[in-house]
Amino acid sequence: MNNIKEMIQAGATVVDVRTPGEYQGGHVAGSINIPMQEFIERMNEVKELPRPLILCCASGNRSGQVTHYMNANGDAEVYNGGGWMEVNALKA
């Protein structure tokens, strides 16, 4: 299954990689905030999250970078959902 909408509706874990300030300004309900700059230092926490992971940010750029990093390091169940508002719309 690699359809983002289907994964989200099936209960995928949504991780927002924006800064805490951006996250507080609005986010996907039920999402987890792990800022891009903290991803590597919080890798043990990330590895424990239920898969699949759908990453989001403001535009899809930062979440795309983190998705690429995770995929390149052997975690194939991490996907770039794009902007958080787009991901939020897919939950409906």
PDB file of N, CA and C in Angstrom:
ATOM      1  N   MET A   1       0.855  -1.177   0.000  1.00  0.00           N
ATOM      2  CA  MET A   1       0.000   0.000   0.000  1.00  0.00           C
ATOM      3  C   MET A   1       0.901   1.239   0.000  1.00  0.00           C
ATOM      4  N   ASN A   2       0.792   2.060  -1.014  1.00  0.00           N
ATOM      5  CA  ASN A   2       1.585   3.285  -1.025  1.00  0.00           C
ATOM      6  C   ASN A   2       0.739   4.504  -1.347  1.00  0.00           C
ATOM      7  N   ASN A   3      -0.565   4.388  -1.219  1.00  0.00           N
ATOM      8  CA  ASN A   3      -1.452   5.517  -1.402  1.00  0.00           C
ATOM      9  C   ASN A   3      -1.532   6.266  -0.070  1.00  0.00           C
ATOM     10  N   ILE A   4      -1.051   7.500  -0.070  1.00  0.00           N
ATOM     11  CA  ILE A   4      -0.971   8.293   1.165  1.00  0.00           C
ATOM     12  C   ILE A   4      -2.345   8.413   1.829  1.00  0.00           C
ATOM     13  N   LYS A   5      -3.364   8.721   1.043  1.00  0.00           N
ATOM     14  CA  LYS A   5      -4.709   8.890   1.610  1.00  0.00           C
ATOM     15  C   LYS A   5      -5.168   7.605   2.294  1.00  0.00           C
ATOM     16  N   GLU A   6      -4.984   6.463   1.640  1.00  0.00           N
ATOM     17  CA  GLU A   6      -5.401   5.187   2.233  1.00  0.00           C
ATOM     18  C   GLU A   6      -4.638   4.911   3.522  1.00  0.00           C
ATOM     19  N   MET A   7      -3.338   5.196   3.514  1.00  0.00           N
ATOM     20  CA  MET A   7      -2.537   4.957   4.716  1.00  0.00           C
ATOM     21  C   MET A   7      -3.003   5.839   5.871  1.00  0.00           C
ATOM     22  N   ILE A   8      -3.273   7.113   5.575  1.00  0.00           N
ATOM     23  CA  ILE A   8      -3.724   8.039   6.617  1.00  0.00           C
ATOM     24  C   ILE A   8      -5.074   7.586   7.166  1.00  0.00           C
ATOM     25  N   GLN A   9      -5.987   7.231   6.271  1.00  0.00           N
ATOM     26  CA  GLN A   9      -7.311   6.806   6.723  1.00  0.00           C
ATOM     27  C   GLN A   9      -7.262   5.476   7.470  1.00  0.00           C
ATOM     28  N   ALA A  10      -6.219   4.679   7.229  1.00  0.00           N
ATOM     29  CA  ALA A  10      -6.051   3.408   7.939  1.00  0.00           C
ATOM     30  C   ALA A  10      -5.320   3.585   9.271  1.00  0.00           C
ATOM     31  N   GLY A  11      -4.961   4.841   9.600  1.00  0.00           N
ATOM     32  CA  GLY A  11      -4.354   5.107  10.901  1.00  0.00           C
ATOM     33  C   GLY A  11      -2.848   5.225  10.924  1.00  0.00           C
ATOM     34  N   ALA A  12      -2.233   5.547   9.781  1.00  0.00           N
ATOM     35  CA  ALA A  12      -0.780   5.741   9.739  1.00  0.00           C
ATOM     36  C   ALA A  12      -0.364   6.816  10.744  1.00  0.00           C
ATOM     37  N   THR A  13       0.862   6.736  11.218  1.00  0.00           N
ATOM     38  CA  THR A  13       1.411   7.732  12.135  1.00  0.00           C
ATOM     39  C   THR A  13       1.852   8.947  11.325  1.00  0.00           C
ATOM     40  N   VAL A  14       1.321  10.119  11.670  1.00  0.00           N
ATOM     41  CA  VAL A  14       1.686  11.359  10.985  1.00  0.00           C
ATOM     42  C   VAL A  14       2.708  12.091  11.846  1.00  0.00           C
ATOM     43  N   VAL A  15       3.855  12.393  11.243  1.00  0.00           N
ATOM     44  CA  VAL A  15       4.927  13.102  11.938  1.00  0.00           C
ATOM     45  C   VAL A  15       5.154  14.433  11.230  1.00  0.00           C
ATOM     46  N   ASP A  16       5.021  15.515  11.975  1.00  0.00           N
ATOM     47  CA  ASP A  16       5.210  16.868  11.460  1.00  0.00           C
ATOM     48  C   ASP A  16       6.643  17.286  11.768  1.00  0.00           C
ATOM     49  N   VAL A  17       7.422  17.609  10.736  1.00  0.00           N
ATOM     50  CA  VAL A  17       8.841  17.923  10.926  1.00  0.00           C
ATOM     51  C   VAL A  17       9.118  19.427  11.017  1.00  0.00           C
ATOM     52  N   ARG A  18       8.068  20.231  11.166  1.00  0.00           N
ATOM     53  CA  ARG A  18       8.259  21.677  11.318  1.00  0.00           C
ATOM     54  C   ARG A  18       8.741  22.009  12.729  1.00  0.00           C
ATOM     55  N   THR A  19       9.096  23.264  12.930  1.00  0.00           N
ATOM     56  CA  THR A  19       9.532  23.723  14.252  1.00  0.00           C
ATOM     57  C   THR A  19       8.350  23.690  15.224  1.00  0.00           C
ATOM     58  N   PRO A  20       8.625  23.637  16.527  1.00  0.00           N
ATOM     59  CA  PRO A  20       7.523  23.653  17.500  1.00  0.00           C
ATOM     60  C   PRO A  20       6.609  24.874  17.341  1.00  0.00           C
ATOM     61  N   GLY A  21       7.182  26.022  17.020  1.00  0.00           N
ATOM     62  CA  GLY A  21       6.370  27.220  16.827  1.00  0.00           C
ATOM     63  C   GLY A  21       5.418  27.089  15.655  1.00  0.00           C
ATOM     64  N   GLU A  22       5.911  26.541  14.549  1.00  0.00           N
ATOM     65  CA  GLU A  22       5.051  26.316  13.388  1.00  0.00           C
ATOM     66  C   GLU A  22       3.953  25.312  13.737  1.00  0.00           C
ATOM     67  N   TYR A  23       4.337  24.258  14.417  1.00  0.00           N
ATOM     68  CA  TYR A  23       3.398  23.200  14.806  1.00  0.00           C
ATOM     69  C   TYR A  23       2.281  23.765  15.682  1.00  0.00           C
ATOM     70  N   GLN A  24       2.648  24.620  16.636  1.00  0.00           N
ATOM     71  CA  GLN A  24       1.651  25.221  17.524  1.00  0.00           C
ATOM     72  C   GLN A  24       0.682  26.115  16.767  1.00  0.00           C
ATOM     73  N   GLY A  25       1.115  26.642  15.624  1.00  0.00           N
ATOM     74  CA  GLY A  25       0.259  27.507  14.821  1.00  0.00           C
ATOM     75  C   GLY A  25      -0.818  26.748  14.061  1.00  0.00           C
ATOM     76  N   GLY A  26      -0.755  25.443  14.069  1.00  0.00           N
ATOM     77  CA  GLY A  26      -1.729  24.599  13.378  1.00  0.00           C
ATOM     78  C   GLY A  26      -1.061  23.318  12.939  1.00  0.00           C
ATOM     79  N   HIS A  27      -1.763  22.201  13.092  1.00  0.00           N
ATOM     80  CA  HIS A  27      -1.188  20.904  12.733  1.00  0.00           C
ATOM     81  C   HIS A  27      -2.288  19.870  12.525  1.00  0.00           C
ATOM     82  N   VAL A  28      -1.907  18.732  11.993  1.00  0.00           N
ATOM     83  CA  VAL A  28      -2.827  17.622  11.796  1.00  0.00           C
ATOM     84  C   VAL A  28      -3.170  17.047  13.171  1.00  0.00           C
ATOM     85  N   ALA A  29      -4.451  16.906  13.465  1.00  0.00           N
ATOM     86  CA  ALA A  29      -4.871  16.331  14.743  1.00  0.00           C
ATOM     87  C   ALA A  29      -4.268  14.940  14.904  1.00  0.00           C
ATOM     88  N   GLY A  30      -3.686  14.700  16.071  1.00  0.00           N
ATOM     89  CA  GLY A  30      -3.095  13.401  16.353  1.00  0.00           C
ATOM     90  C   GLY A  30      -1.679  13.218  15.845  1.00  0.00           C
ATOM     91  N   SER A  31      -1.142  14.245  15.190  1.00  0.00           N
ATOM     92  CA  SER A  31       0.226  14.136  14.664  1.00  0.00           C
ATOM     93  C   SER A  31       1.244  14.316  15.789  1.00  0.00           C
ATOM     94  N   ILE A  32       2.460  13.899  15.508  1.00  0.00           N
ATOM     95  CA  ILE A  32       3.579  14.004  16.443  1.00  0.00           C
ATOM     96  C   ILE A  32       4.556  15.019  15.862  1.00  0.00           C
ATOM     97  N   ASN A  33       5.063  15.915  16.692  1.00  0.00           N
ATOM     98  CA  ASN A  33       6.020  16.919  16.218  1.00  0.00           C
ATOM     99  C   ASN A  33       7.441  16.487  16.551  1.00  0.00           C
ATOM    100  N   ILE A  34       8.191  16.159  15.506  1.00  0.00           N
ATOM    101  CA  ILE A  34       9.624  15.888  15.639  1.00  0.00           C
ATOM    102  C   ILE A  34      10.307  16.768  14.591  1.00  0.00           C
ATOM    103  N   PRO A  35      10.788  17.945  15.004  1.00  0.00           N
ATOM    104  CA  PRO A  35      11.391  18.868  14.049  1.00  0.00           C
ATOM    105  C   PRO A  35      12.537  18.238  13.255  1.00  0.00           C
ATOM    106  N   MET A  36      12.654  18.650  12.004  1.00  0.00           N
ATOM    107  CA  MET A  36      13.681  18.112  11.112  1.00  0.00           C
ATOM    108  C   MET A  36      15.058  18.140  11.762  1.00  0.00           C
ATOM    109  N   GLN A  37      15.398  19.241  12.420  1.00  0.00           N
ATOM    110  CA  GLN A  37      16.732  19.377  12.996  1.00  0.00           C
ATOM    111  C   GLN A  37      16.951  18.461  14.200  1.00  0.00           C
ATOM    112  N   GLU A  38      15.889  17.837  14.720  1.00  0.00           N
ATOM    113  CA  GLU A  38      16.016  16.916  15.856  1.00  0.00           C
ATOM    114  C   GLU A  38      15.884  15.453  15.440  1.00  0.00           C
ATOM    115  N   PHE A  39      15.601  15.194  14.164  1.00  0.00           N
ATOM    116  CA  PHE A  39      15.286  13.834  13.729  1.00  0.00           C
ATOM    117  C   PHE A  39      16.380  12.828  14.052  1.00  0.00           C
ATOM    118  N   ILE A  40      17.616  13.161  13.739  1.00  0.00           N
ATOM    119  CA  ILE A  40      18.703  12.198  13.954  1.00  0.00           C
ATOM    120  C   ILE A  40      18.911  11.937  15.443  1.00  0.00           C
ATOM    121  N   GLU A  41      18.901  12.996  16.269  1.00  0.00           N
ATOM    122  CA  GLU A  41      19.117  12.788  17.702  1.00  0.00           C
ATOM    123  C   GLU A  41      17.945  12.068  18.362  1.00  0.00           C
ATOM    124  N   ARG A  42      16.777  12.081  17.730  1.00  0.00           N
ATOM    125  CA  ARG A  42      15.605  11.390  18.281  1.00  0.00           C
ATOM    126  C   ARG A  42      15.296  10.091  17.528  1.00  0.00           C
ATOM    127  N   MET A  43      16.298   9.549  16.832  1.00  0.00           N
ATOM    128  CA  MET A  43      16.096   8.375  15.985  1.00  0.00           C
ATOM    129  C   MET A  43      15.571   7.169  16.756  1.00  0.00           C
ATOM    130  N   ASN A  44      16.005   6.974  17.991  1.00  0.00           N
ATOM    131  CA  ASN A  44      15.485   5.845  18.774  1.00  0.00           C
ATOM    132  C   ASN A  44      13.973   5.966  18.957  1.00  0.00           C
ATOM    133  N   GLU A  45      13.511   7.185  19.219  1.00  0.00           N
ATOM    134  CA  GLU A  45      12.071   7.443  19.354  1.00  0.00           C
ATOM    135  C   GLU A  45      11.363   7.203  18.018  1.00  0.00           C
ATOM    136  N   VAL A  46      11.951   7.699  16.944  1.00  0.00           N
ATOM    137  CA  VAL A  46      11.369   7.546  15.603  1.00  0.00           C
ATOM    138  C   VAL A  46      11.236   6.067  15.240  1.00  0.00           C
ATOM    139  N   LYS A  47      12.253   5.286  15.539  1.00  0.00           N
ATOM    140  CA  LYS A  47      12.237   3.857  15.194  1.00  0.00           C
ATOM    141  C   LYS A  47      11.134   3.098  15.914  1.00  0.00           C
ATOM    142  N   GLU A  48      10.688   3.604  17.060  1.00  0.00           N
ATOM    143  CA  GLU A  48       9.638   2.940  17.836  1.00  0.00           C
ATOM    144  C   GLU A  48       8.228   3.304  17.374  1.00  0.00           C
ATOM    145  N   LEU A  49       8.091   4.322  16.538  1.00  0.00           N
ATOM    146  CA  LEU A  49       6.761   4.741  16.093  1.00  0.00           C
ATOM    147  C   LEU A  49       6.144   3.691  15.172  1.00  0.00           C
ATOM    148  N   PRO A  50       4.842   3.458  15.309  1.00  0.00           N
ATOM    149  CA  PRO A  50       4.169   2.492  14.431  1.00  0.00           C
ATOM    150  C   PRO A  50       4.253   2.927  12.966  1.00  0.00           C
ATOM    151  N   ARG A  51       4.521   1.972  12.108  1.00  0.00           N
ATOM    152  CA  ARG A  51       4.615   2.223  10.675  1.00  0.00           C
ATOM    153  C   ARG A  51       3.287   1.949  10.006  1.00  0.00           C
ATOM    154  N   PRO A  52       2.999   2.566   8.860  1.00  0.00           N
ATOM    155  CA  PRO A  52       3.861   3.493   8.139  1.00  0.00           C
ATOM    156  C   PRO A  52       3.864   4.881   8.778  1.00  0.00           C
ATOM    157  N   LEU A  53       4.916   5.645   8.458  1.00  0.00           N
ATOM    158  CA  LEU A  53       5.017   7.037   8.884  1.00  0.00           C
ATOM    159  C   LEU A  53       4.729   7.920   7.685  1.00  0.00           C
ATOM    160  N   ILE A  54       3.872   8.905   7.891  1.00  0.00           N
ATOM    161  CA  ILE A  54       3.609   9.919   6.879  1.00  0.00           C
ATOM    162  C   ILE A  54       4.192  11.211   7.431  1.00  0.00           C
ATOM    163  N   LEU A  55       5.198  11.757   6.756  1.00  0.00           N
ATOM    164  CA  LEU A  55       5.833  12.991   7.211  1.00  0.00           C
ATOM    165  C   LEU A  55       5.200  14.180   6.511  1.00  0.00           C
ATOM    166  N   CYS A  56       5.107  15.293   7.228  1.00  0.00           N
ATOM    167  CA  CYS A  56       4.588  16.516   6.627  1.00  0.00           C
ATOM    168  C   CYS A  56       5.324  17.715   7.211  1.00  0.00           C
ATOM    169  N   CYS A  57       5.199  18.842   6.526  1.00  0.00           N
ATOM    170  CA  CYS A  57       5.787  20.104   6.988  1.00  0.00           C
ATOM    171  C   CYS A  57       4.897  21.221   6.452  1.00  0.00           C
ATOM    172  N   ALA A  58       5.477  22.347   6.077  1.00  0.00           N
ATOM    173  CA  ALA A  58       4.669  23.432   5.529  1.00  0.00           C
ATOM    174  C   ALA A  58       4.377  23.215   4.045  1.00  0.00           C
ATOM    175  N   SER A  59       5.405  22.789   3.300  1.00  0.00           N
ATOM    176  CA  SER A  59       5.252  22.670   1.845  1.00  0.00           C
ATOM    177  C   SER A  59       5.567  21.291   1.286  1.00  0.00           C
ATOM    178  N   GLY A  60       6.200  20.452   2.071  1.00  0.00           N
ATOM    179  CA  GLY A  60       6.639  19.146   1.583  1.00  0.00           C
ATOM    180  C   GLY A  60       8.134  19.078   1.349  1.00  0.00           C
ATOM    181  N   ASN A  61       8.835  20.209   1.457  1.00  0.00           N
ATOM    182  CA  ASN A  61      10.278  20.234   1.226  1.00  0.00           C
ATOM    183  C   ASN A  61      11.039  19.551   2.367  1.00  0.00           C
ATOM    184  N   ARG A  62      10.845  20.025   3.590  1.00  0.00           N
ATOM    185  CA  ARG A  62      11.556  19.426   4.728  1.00  0.00           C
ATOM    186  C   ARG A  62      11.151  17.970   4.935  1.00  0.00           C
ATOM    187  N   SER A  63       9.857  17.691   4.828  1.00  0.00           N
ATOM    188  CA  SER A  63       9.412  16.301   5.004  1.00  0.00           C
ATOM    189  C   SER A  63       9.970  15.420   3.898  1.00  0.00           C
ATOM    190  N   GLY A  64      10.152  15.980   2.705  1.00  0.00           N
ATOM    191  CA  GLY A  64      10.766  15.230   1.607  1.00  0.00           C
ATOM    192  C   GLY A  64      12.218  14.898   1.895  1.00  0.00           C
ATOM    193  N   GLN A  65      12.944  15.848   2.475  1.00  0.00           N
ATOM    194  CA  GLN A  65      14.346  15.610   2.817  1.00  0.00           C
ATOM    195  C   GLN A  65      14.479  14.512   3.874  1.00  0.00           C
ATOM    196  N   VAL A  66      13.623  14.573   4.898  1.00  0.00           N
ATOM    197  CA  VAL A  66      13.685  13.567   5.958  1.00  0.00           C
ATOM    198  C   VAL A  66      13.242  12.205   5.421  1.00  0.00           C
ATOM    199  N   THR A  67      12.215  12.187   4.574  1.00  0.00           N
ATOM    200  CA  THR A  67      11.763  10.931   3.963  1.00  0.00           C
ATOM    201  C   THR A  67      12.894  10.305   3.162  1.00  0.00           C
ATOM    202  N   HIS A  68      13.581  11.113   2.370  1.00  0.00           N
ATOM    203  CA  HIS A  68      14.699  10.608   1.568  1.00  0.00           C
ATOM    204  C   HIS A  68      15.781  10.017   2.475  1.00  0.00           C
ATOM    205  N   TYR A  69      16.108  10.719   3.546  1.00  0.00           N
ATOM    206  CA  TYR A  69      17.118  10.240   4.493  1.00  0.00           C
ATOM    207  C   TYR A  69      16.699   8.894   5.088  1.00  0.00           C
ATOM    208  N   MET A  70      15.456   8.810   5.532  1.00  0.00           N
ATOM    209  CA  MET A  70      14.969   7.573   6.163  1.00  0.00           C
ATOM    210  C   MET A  70      14.952   6.415   5.162  1.00  0.00           C
ATOM    211  N   ASN A  71      14.467   6.670   3.946  1.00  0.00           N
ATOM    212  CA  ASN A  71      14.430   5.625   2.914  1.00  0.00           C
ATOM    213  C   ASN A  71      15.842   5.171   2.560  1.00  0.00           C
ATOM    214  N   ALA A  72      16.771   6.124   2.430  1.00  0.00           N
ATOM    215  CA  ALA A  72      18.155   5.799   2.072  1.00  0.00           C
ATOM    216  C   ALA A  72      18.847   4.990   3.165  1.00  0.00           C
ATOM    217  N   ASN A  73      18.334   5.103   4.392  1.00  0.00           N
ATOM    218  CA  ASN A  73      18.911   4.363   5.512  1.00  0.00           C
ATOM    219  C   ASN A  73      18.088   3.129   5.874  1.00  0.00           C
ATOM    220  N   GLY A  74      17.333   2.630   4.909  1.00  0.00           N
ATOM    221  CA  GLY A  74      16.674   1.341   5.058  1.00  0.00           C
ATOM    222  C   GLY A  74      15.263   1.325   5.605  1.00  0.00           C
ATOM    223  N   ASP A  75      14.669   2.485   5.857  1.00  0.00           N
ATOM    224  CA  ASP A  75      13.292   2.502   6.363  1.00  0.00           C
ATOM    225  C   ASP A  75      12.349   2.820   5.209  1.00  0.00           C
ATOM    226  N   ALA A  76      11.832   1.770   4.583  1.00  0.00           N
ATOM    227  CA  ALA A  76      10.988   1.923   3.394  1.00  0.00           C
ATOM    228  C   ALA A  76       9.559   2.327   3.724  1.00  0.00           C
ATOM    229  N   GLU A  77       9.173   2.271   4.994  1.00  0.00           N
ATOM    230  CA  GLU A  77       7.794   2.589   5.362  1.00  0.00           C
ATOM    231  C   GLU A  77       7.631   4.029   5.847  1.00  0.00           C
ATOM    232  N   VAL A  78       8.410   4.936   5.265  1.00  0.00           N
ATOM    233  CA  VAL A  78       8.320   6.360   5.561  1.00  0.00           C
ATOM    234  C   VAL A  78       7.988   7.057   4.250  1.00  0.00           C
ATOM    235  N   TYR A  79       6.948   7.902   4.284  1.00  0.00           N
ATOM    236  CA  TYR A  79       6.450   8.544   3.071  1.00  0.00           C
ATOM    237  C   TYR A  79       6.308  10.043   3.285  1.00  0.00           C
ATOM    238  N   ASN A  80       6.499  10.811   2.220  1.00  0.00           N
ATOM    239  CA  ASN A  80       6.322  12.257   2.270  1.00  0.00           C
ATOM    240  C   ASN A  80       4.872  12.585   1.930  1.00  0.00           C
ATOM    241  N   GLY A  81       4.157  13.106   2.921  1.00  0.00           N
ATOM    242  CA  GLY A  81       2.767  13.492   2.698  1.00  0.00           C
ATOM    243  C   GLY A  81       2.622  14.894   2.147  1.00  0.00           C
ATOM    244  N   GLY A  82       3.711  15.684   2.154  1.00  0.00           N
ATOM    245  CA  GLY A  82       3.652  17.049   1.647  1.00  0.00           C
ATOM    246  C   GLY A  82       3.325  18.036   2.752  1.00  0.00           C
ATOM    247  N   GLY A  83       2.591  19.070   2.392  1.00  0.00           N
ATOM    248  CA  GLY A  83       2.209  20.098   3.356  1.00  0.00           C
ATOM    249  C   GLY A  83       1.196  19.573   4.362  1.00  0.00           C
ATOM    250  N   TRP A  84       1.269  20.077   5.584  1.00  0.00           N
ATOM    251  CA  TRP A  84       0.394  19.568   6.644  1.00  0.00           C
ATOM    252  C   TRP A  84      -1.073  19.800   6.338  1.00  0.00           C
ATOM    253  N   MET A  85      -1.400  20.903   5.661  1.00  0.00           N
ATOM    254  CA  MET A  85      -2.806  21.167   5.344  1.00  0.00           C
ATOM    255  C   MET A  85      -3.336  20.152   4.333  1.00  0.00           C
ATOM    256  N   GLU A  86      -2.475  19.724   3.416  1.00  0.00           N
ATOM    257  CA  GLU A  86      -2.873  18.694   2.453  1.00  0.00           C
ATOM    258  C   GLU A  86      -3.106  17.369   3.170  1.00  0.00           C
ATOM    259  N   VAL A  87      -2.207  17.032   4.090  1.00  0.00           N
ATOM    260  CA  VAL A  87      -2.357  15.794   4.862  1.00  0.00           C
ATOM    261  C   VAL A  87      -3.626  15.869   5.705  1.00  0.00           C
ATOM    262  N   ASN A  88      -3.873  17.020   6.300  1.00  0.00           N
ATOM    263  CA  ASN A  88      -5.063  17.201   7.125  1.00  0.00           C
ATOM    264  C   ASN A  88      -6.329  16.968   6.304  1.00  0.00           C
ATOM    265  N   ALA A  89      -6.344  17.452   5.070  1.00  0.00           N
ATOM    266  CA  ALA A  89      -7.510  17.273   4.194  1.00  0.00           C
ATOM    267  C   ALA A  89      -7.732  15.802   3.857  1.00  0.00           C
ATOM    268  N   LEU A  90      -6.658  15.009   3.813  1.00  0.00           N
ATOM    269  CA  LEU A  90      -6.778  13.589   3.483  1.00  0.00           C
ATOM    270  C   LEU A  90      -7.384  12.774   4.624  1.00  0.00           C
ATOM    271  N   LYS A  91      -7.374  13.327   5.835  1.00  0.00           N
ATOM    272  CA  LYS A  91      -7.931  12.599   6.988  1.00  0.00           C
ATOM    273  C   LYS A  91      -9.449  12.549   6.937  1.00  0.00           C
ATOM    274  N   ALA A  92     -10.039  13.473   6.204  1.00  0.00           N
ATOM    275  CA  ALA A  92     -11.514  13.572   6.165  1.00  0.00           C
ATOM    276  C   ALA A  92     -12.147  12.409   5.435  1.00  0.00           C
TER     277      ALA A  92
END
